[in-house]
């Protein structure tokens, strides 16, 4: 479960990065810079933290499942 969710998350970040690069071709102003700084630059760190949390939850769910058998 976690590996699939992590793969989906990483693909979404990759897709977003590609779309942002295309968008920057036509949106070049202070607001674009602010958007990139305030939101997009934070994504790698947030994604890594989310991936770690997803893995920890997956481990806990496996333990719960085994305990319920």
PDB file of N, CA and C in Angstrom:
ATOM      1  N   UNK A   1       0.824  -1.192   0.000  1.00  0.00           N
ATOM      2  CA  UNK A   1       0.000   0.000   0.000  1.00  0.00           C
ATOM      3  C   UNK A   1       0.869   1.257   0.000  1.00  0.00           C
ATOM      4  N   UNK A   2       1.838   1.313   0.863  1.00  0.00           N
ATOM      5  CA  UNK A   2       2.669   2.512   0.968  1.00  0.00           C
ATOM      6  C   UNK A   2       3.492   2.745  -0.289  1.00  0.00           C
ATOM      7  N   UNK A   3       4.014   1.671  -0.876  1.00  0.00           N
ATOM      8  CA  UNK A   3       4.831   1.830  -2.079  1.00  0.00           C
ATOM      9  C   UNK A   3       4.003   2.412  -3.223  1.00  0.00           C
ATOM     10  N   UNK A   4       2.771   1.925  -3.364  1.00  0.00           N
ATOM     11  CA  UNK A   4       1.896   2.445  -4.419  1.00  0.00           C
ATOM     12  C   UNK A   4       1.553   3.911  -4.162  1.00  0.00           C
ATOM     13  N   UNK A   5       1.200   4.228  -2.938  1.00  0.00           N
ATOM     14  CA  UNK A   5       0.882   5.611  -2.587  1.00  0.00           C
ATOM     15  C   UNK A   5       2.074   6.523  -2.782  1.00  0.00           C
ATOM     16  N   UNK A   6       3.245   6.046  -2.417  1.00  0.00           N
ATOM     17  CA  UNK A   6       4.465   6.833  -2.579  1.00  0.00           C
ATOM     18  C   UNK A   6       4.754   7.069  -4.061  1.00  0.00           C
ATOM     19  N   UNK A   7       4.555   6.037  -4.878  1.00  0.00           N
ATOM     20  CA  UNK A   7       4.778   6.174  -6.316  1.00  0.00           C
ATOM     21  C   UNK A   7       3.817   7.198  -6.920  1.00  0.00           C
ATOM     22  N   UNK A   8       2.573   7.168  -6.482  1.00  0.00           N
ATOM     23  CA  UNK A   8       1.578   8.129  -6.974  1.00  0.00           C
ATOM     24  C   UNK A   8       1.982   9.545  -6.570  1.00  0.00           C
ATOM     25  N   UNK A   9       2.403   9.702  -5.325  1.00  0.00           N
ATOM     26  CA  UNK A   9       2.829  11.014  -4.839  1.00  0.00           C
ATOM     27  C   UNK A   9       4.026  11.539  -5.625  1.00  0.00           C
ATOM     28  N   UNK A  10       5.019  10.698  -5.826  1.00  0.00           N
ATOM     29  CA  UNK A  10       6.215  11.126  -6.555  1.00  0.00           C
ATOM     30  C   UNK A  10       5.894  11.471  -8.006  1.00  0.00           C
ATOM     31  N   UNK A  11       4.999  10.707  -8.623  1.00  0.00           N
ATOM     32  CA  UNK A  11       4.605  11.019 -10.001  1.00  0.00           C
ATOM     33  C   UNK A  11       3.854  12.343 -10.068  1.00  0.00           C
ATOM     34  N   UNK A  12       3.002  12.594  -9.086  1.00  0.00           N
ATOM     35  CA  UNK A  12       2.258  13.855  -9.055  1.00  0.00           C
ATOM     36  C   UNK A  12       3.212  15.045  -8.914  1.00  0.00           C
ATOM     37  N   UNK A  13       4.232  14.909  -8.088  1.00  0.00           N
ATOM     38  CA  UNK A  13       5.221  15.984  -7.917  1.00  0.00           C
ATOM     39  C   UNK A  13       5.993  16.190  -9.222  1.00  0.00           C
ATOM     40  N   UNK A  14       6.348  15.104  -9.878  1.00  0.00           N
ATOM     41  CA  UNK A  14       7.058  15.198 -11.158  1.00  0.00           C
ATOM     42  C   UNK A  14       6.181  15.896 -12.200  1.00  0.00           C
ATOM     43  N   UNK A  15       4.920  15.492 -12.281  1.00  0.00           N
ATOM     44  CA  UNK A  15       3.990  16.112 -13.234  1.00  0.00           C
ATOM     45  C   UNK A  15       3.820  17.607 -12.944  1.00  0.00           C
ATOM     46  N   UNK A  16       3.677  17.937 -11.678  1.00  0.00           N
ATOM     47  CA  UNK A  16       3.529  19.335 -11.289  1.00  0.00           C
ATOM     48  C   UNK A  16       4.762  20.139 -11.673  1.00  0.00           C
ATOM     49  N   UNK A  17       5.933  19.588 -11.450  1.00  0.00           N
ATOM     50  CA  UNK A  17       7.175  20.288 -11.805  1.00  0.00           C
ATOM     51  C   UNK A  17       7.250  20.553 -13.304  1.00  0.00           C
ATOM     52  N   UNK A  18       6.855  19.566 -14.095  1.00  0.00           N
ATOM     53  CA  UNK A  18       6.860  19.747 -15.547  1.00  0.00           C
ATOM     54  C   UNK A  18       5.865  20.831 -15.961  1.00  0.00           C
ATOM     55  N   UNK A  19       4.678  20.798 -15.397  1.00  0.00           N
ATOM     56  CA  UNK A  19       3.663  21.810 -15.726  1.00  0.00           C
ATOM     57  C   UNK A  19       4.118  23.197 -15.281  1.00  0.00           C
ATOM     58  N   UNK A  20       4.776  23.260 -14.134  1.00  0.00           N
ATOM     59  CA  UNK A  20       5.251  24.559 -13.655  1.00  0.00           C
ATOM     60  C   UNK A  20       6.300  25.131 -14.608  1.00  0.00           C
ATOM     61  N   UNK A  21       7.190  24.293 -15.093  1.00  0.00           N
ATOM     62  CA  UNK A  21       8.199  24.770 -16.042  1.00  0.00           C
ATOM     63  C   UNK A  21       7.532  25.328 -17.296  1.00  0.00           C
ATOM     64  N   UNK A  22       6.481  24.687 -17.766  1.00  0.00           N
ATOM     65  CA  UNK A  22       5.738  25.191 -18.924  1.00  0.00           C
ATOM     66  C   UNK A  22       5.049  26.518 -18.586  1.00  0.00           C
ATOM     67  N   UNK A  23       4.491  26.586 -17.386  1.00  0.00           N
ATOM     68  CA  UNK A  23       3.774  27.793 -16.960  1.00  0.00           C
ATOM     69  C   UNK A  23       4.722  28.984 -16.842  1.00  0.00           C
ATOM     70  N   UNK A  24       5.935  28.725 -16.371  1.00  0.00           N
ATOM     71  CA  UNK A  24       6.899  29.819 -16.203  1.00  0.00           C
ATOM     72  C   UNK A  24       7.268  30.482 -17.529  1.00  0.00           C
ATOM     73  N   UNK A  25       7.050  29.779 -18.637  1.00  0.00           N
ATOM     74  CA  UNK A  25       7.325  30.393 -19.937  1.00  0.00           C
ATOM     75  C   UNK A  25       6.426  31.601 -20.194  1.00  0.00           C
ATOM     76  N   UNK A  26       5.220  31.564 -19.628  1.00  0.00           N
ATOM     77  CA  UNK A  26       4.280  32.660 -19.885  1.00  0.00           C
ATOM     78  C   UNK A  26       3.939  33.482 -18.636  1.00  0.00           C
ATOM     79  N   UNK A  27       4.312  33.010 -17.469  1.00  0.00           N
ATOM     80  CA  UNK A  27       4.009  33.733 -16.238  1.00  0.00           C
ATOM     81  C   UNK A  27       5.316  34.112 -15.562  1.00  0.00           C
ATOM     82  N   UNK A  28       5.767  35.319 -15.843  1.00  0.00           N
ATOM     83  CA  UNK A  28       7.051  35.786 -15.316  1.00  0.00           C
ATOM     84  C   UNK A  28       6.865  37.138 -14.640  1.00  0.00           C
ATOM     85  N   UNK A  29       6.468  37.083 -13.373  1.00  0.00           N
ATOM     86  CA  UNK A  29       6.357  38.328 -12.620  1.00  0.00           C
ATOM     87  C   UNK A  29       6.620  38.038 -11.148  1.00  0.00           C
ATOM     88  N   UNK A  30       6.450  39.038 -10.323  1.00  0.00           N
ATOM     89  CA  UNK A  30       6.719  38.900  -8.894  1.00  0.00           C
ATOM     90  C   UNK A  30       5.820  37.838  -8.266  1.00  0.00           C
ATOM     91  N   UNK A  31       4.562  37.799  -8.671  1.00  0.00           N
ATOM     92  CA  UNK A  31       3.629  36.819  -8.104  1.00  0.00           C
ATOM     93  C   UNK A  31       4.036  35.389  -8.453  1.00  0.00           C
ATOM     94  N   UNK A  32       4.542  35.190  -9.650  1.00  0.00           N
ATOM     95  CA  UNK A  32       5.027  33.864 -10.036  1.00  0.00           C
ATOM     96  C   UNK A  32       6.214  33.467  -9.155  1.00  0.00           C
ATOM     97  N   UNK A  33       7.106  34.412  -8.927  1.00  0.00           N
ATOM     98  CA  UNK A  33       8.252  34.151  -8.050  1.00  0.00           C
ATOM     99  C   UNK A  33       7.796  33.831  -6.632  1.00  0.00           C
ATOM    100  N   UNK A  34       6.819  34.589  -6.148  1.00  0.00           N
ATOM    101  CA  UNK A  34       6.288  34.342  -4.800  1.00  0.00           C
ATOM    102  C   UNK A  34       5.643  32.964  -4.714  1.00  0.00           C
ATOM    103  N   UNK A  35       4.859  32.608  -5.726  1.00  0.00           N
ATOM    104  CA  UNK A  35       4.206  31.301  -5.746  1.00  0.00           C
ATOM    105  C   UNK A  35       5.241  30.182  -5.710  1.00  0.00           C
ATOM    106  N   UNK A  36       6.256  30.316  -6.538  1.00  0.00           N
ATOM    107  CA  UNK A  36       7.303  29.298  -6.570  1.00  0.00           C
ATOM    108  C   UNK A  36       8.002  29.198  -5.219  1.00  0.00           C
ATOM    109  N   UNK A  37       8.342  30.343  -4.653  1.00  0.00           N
ATOM    110  CA  UNK A  37       9.038  30.360  -3.361  1.00  0.00           C
ATOM    111  C   UNK A  37       8.155  29.836  -2.228  1.00  0.00           C
ATOM    112  N   UNK A  38       6.920  30.300  -2.156  1.00  0.00           N
ATOM    113  CA  UNK A  38       6.039  29.961  -1.037  1.00  0.00           C
ATOM    114  C   UNK A  38       5.489  28.538  -1.084  1.00  0.00           C
ATOM    115  N   UNK A  39       5.362  27.987  -2.276  1.00  0.00           N
ATOM    116  CA  UNK A  39       4.714  26.680  -2.388  1.00  0.00           C
ATOM    117  C   UNK A  39       5.600  25.611  -3.018  1.00  0.00           C
ATOM    118  N   UNK A  40       6.121  25.873  -4.169  1.00  0.00           N
ATOM    119  CA  UNK A  40       6.806  24.829  -4.917  1.00  0.00           C
ATOM    120  C   UNK A  40       8.177  24.471  -4.353  1.00  0.00           C
ATOM    121  N   UNK A  41       8.885  25.438  -3.848  1.00  0.00           N
ATOM    122  CA  UNK A  41      10.212  25.150  -3.286  1.00  0.00           C
ATOM    123  C   UNK A  41      10.121  24.280  -2.032  1.00  0.00           C
ATOM    124  N   UNK A  42       8.974  24.302  -1.372  1.00  0.00           N
ATOM    125  CA  UNK A  42       8.793  23.522  -0.142  1.00  0.00           C
ATOM    126  C   UNK A  42       8.435  22.058  -0.437  1.00  0.00           C
ATOM    127  N   UNK A  43       8.002  21.774  -1.653  1.00  0.00           N
ATOM    128  CA  UNK A  43       7.494  20.443  -1.961  1.00  0.00           C
ATOM    129  C   UNK A  43       8.488  19.297  -1.748  1.00  0.00           C
ATOM    130  N   UNK A  44       9.749  19.423  -2.132  1.00  0.00           N
ATOM    131  CA  UNK A  44      10.648  18.278  -1.901  1.00  0.00           C
ATOM    132  C   UNK A  44      10.731  17.867  -0.427  1.00  0.00           C
ATOM    133  N   UNK A  45      10.842  18.843   0.464  1.00  0.00           N
ATOM    134  CA  UNK A  45      10.904  18.536   1.893  1.00  0.00           C
ATOM    135  C   UNK A  45       9.581  17.949   2.388  1.00  0.00           C
ATOM    136  N   UNK A  46       8.476  18.555   1.979  1.00  0.00           N
ATOM    137  CA  UNK A  46       7.163  18.054   2.397  1.00  0.00           C
ATOM    138  C   UNK A  46       6.898  16.661   1.846  1.00  0.00           C
ATOM    139  N   UNK A  47       7.330  16.419   0.620  1.00  0.00           N
ATOM    140  CA  UNK A  47       7.146  15.108   0.015  1.00  0.00           C
ATOM    141  C   UNK A  47       7.953  14.047   0.762  1.00  0.00           C
ATOM    142  N   UNK A  48       9.170  14.362   1.110  1.00  0.00           N
ATOM    143  CA  UNK A  48      10.009  13.417   1.852  1.00  0.00           C
ATOM    144  C   UNK A  48       9.391  13.100   3.209  1.00  0.00           C
ATOM    145  N   UNK A  49       8.901  14.116   3.884  1.00  0.00           N
ATOM    146  CA  UNK A  49       8.264  13.905   5.193  1.00  0.00           C
ATOM    147  C   UNK A  49       6.990  13.075   5.051  1.00  0.00           C
ATOM    148  N   UNK A  50       6.213  13.354   4.015  1.00  0.00           N
ATOM    149  CA  UNK A  50       4.981  12.614   3.773  1.00  0.00           C
ATOM    150  C   UNK A  50       5.285  11.163   3.462  1.00  0.00           C
ATOM    151  N   UNK A  51       6.287  10.931   2.658  1.00  0.00           N
ATOM    152  CA  UNK A  51       6.684   9.572   2.297  1.00  0.00           C
ATOM    153  C   UNK A  51       7.100   8.782   3.540  1.00  0.00           C
ATOM    154  N   UNK A  52       7.854   9.411   4.408  1.00  0.00           N
ATOM    155  CA  UNK A  52       8.258   8.768   5.662  1.00  0.00           C
ATOM    156  C   UNK A  52       7.047   8.435   6.521  1.00  0.00           C
ATOM    157  N   UNK A  53       6.123   9.361   6.641  1.00  0.00           N
ATOM    158  CA  UNK A  53       4.909   9.131   7.431  1.00  0.00           C
ATOM    159  C   UNK A  53       4.072   8.005   6.832  1.00  0.00           C
ATOM    160  N   UNK A  54       3.972   7.980   5.509  1.00  0.00           N
ATOM    161  CA  UNK A  54       3.204   6.919   4.852  1.00  0.00           C
ATOM    162  C   UNK A  54       3.822   5.549   5.139  1.00  0.00           C
ATOM    163  N   UNK A  55       5.125   5.475   5.124  1.00  0.00           N
ATOM    164  CA  UNK A  55       5.814   4.209   5.412  1.00  0.00           C
ATOM    165  C   UNK A  55       5.574   3.782   6.865  1.00  0.00           C
ATOM    166  N   UNK A  56       5.649   4.728   7.793  1.00  0.00           N
ATOM    167  CA  UNK A  56       5.405   4.415   9.201  1.00  0.00           C
ATOM    168  C   UNK A  56       3.970   3.936   9.420  1.00  0.00           C
ATOM    169  N   UNK A  57       3.024   4.563   8.763  1.00  0.00           N
ATOM    170  CA  UNK A  57       1.622   4.152   8.873  1.00  0.00           C
ATOM    171  C   UNK A  57       1.437   2.762   8.283  1.00  0.00           C
ATOM    172  N   UNK A  58       2.084   2.497   7.168  1.00  0.00           N
ATOM    173  CA  UNK A  58       1.993   1.184   6.542  1.00  0.00           C
ATOM    174  C   UNK A  58       2.512   0.089   7.480  1.00  0.00           C
ATOM    175  N   UNK A  59       3.600   0.355   8.133  1.00  0.00           N
ATOM    176  CA  UNK A  59       4.166  -0.613   9.086  1.00  0.00           C
ATOM    177  C   UNK A  59       3.188  -0.848  10.242  1.00  0.00           C
ATOM    178  N   UNK A  60       2.638   0.225  10.769  1.00  0.00           N
ATOM    179  CA  UNK A  60       1.675   0.093  11.862  1.00  0.00           C
ATOM    180  C   UNK A  60       0.433  -0.681  11.429  1.00  0.00           C
ATOM    181  N   UNK A  61      -0.048  -0.417  10.235  1.00  0.00           N
ATOM    182  CA  UNK A  61      -1.233  -1.133   9.740  1.00  0.00           C
ATOM    183  C   UNK A  61      -0.953  -2.625   9.563  1.00  0.00           C
ATOM    184  N   UNK A  62       0.248  -2.962   9.105  1.00  0.00           N
ATOM    185  CA  UNK A  62       0.617  -4.384   8.996  1.00  0.00           C
ATOM    186  C   UNK A  62       0.623  -5.036  10.379  1.00  0.00           C
ATOM    187  N   UNK A  63       1.160  -4.340  11.382  1.00  0.00           N
ATOM    188  CA  UNK A  63       1.189  -4.884  12.740  1.00  0.00           C
ATOM    189  C   UNK A  63      -0.219  -5.068  13.285  1.00  0.00           C
ATOM    190  N   UNK A  64      -1.075  -4.085  13.068  1.00  0.00           N
ATOM    191  CA  UNK A  64      -2.461  -4.177  13.524  1.00  0.00           C
ATOM    192  C   UNK A  64      -3.164  -5.354  12.857  1.00  0.00           C
ATOM    193  N   UNK A  65      -2.942  -5.483  11.561  1.00  0.00           N
ATOM    194  CA  UNK A  65      -3.554  -6.584  10.814  1.00  0.00           C
ATOM    195  C   UNK A  65      -3.101  -7.937  11.381  1.00  0.00           C
ATOM    196  N   UNK A  66      -1.806  -8.067  11.652  1.00  0.00           N
ATOM    197  CA  UNK A  66      -1.305  -9.322  12.221  1.00  0.00           C
ATOM    198  C   UNK A  66      -1.850  -9.577  13.616  1.00  0.00           C
ATOM    199  N   UNK A  67      -1.992  -8.530  14.406  1.00  0.00           N
ATOM    200  CA  UNK A  67      -2.521  -8.671  15.754  1.00  0.00           C
ATOM    201  C   UNK A  67      -4.002  -9.077  15.756  1.00  0.00           C
ATOM    202  N   UNK A  68      -4.717  -8.734  14.707  1.00  0.00           N
ATOM    203  CA  UNK A  68      -6.140  -9.046  14.634  1.00  0.00           C
ATOM    204  C   UNK A  68      -6.423 -10.436  14.095  1.00  0.00           C
ATOM    205  N   UNK A  69      -5.411 -11.120  13.631  1.00  0.00           N
ATOM    206  CA  UNK A  69      -5.619 -12.477  13.098  1.00  0.00           C
ATOM    207  C   UNK A  69      -5.729 -13.496  14.199  1.00  0.00           C
TER     208      UNK A  69
END
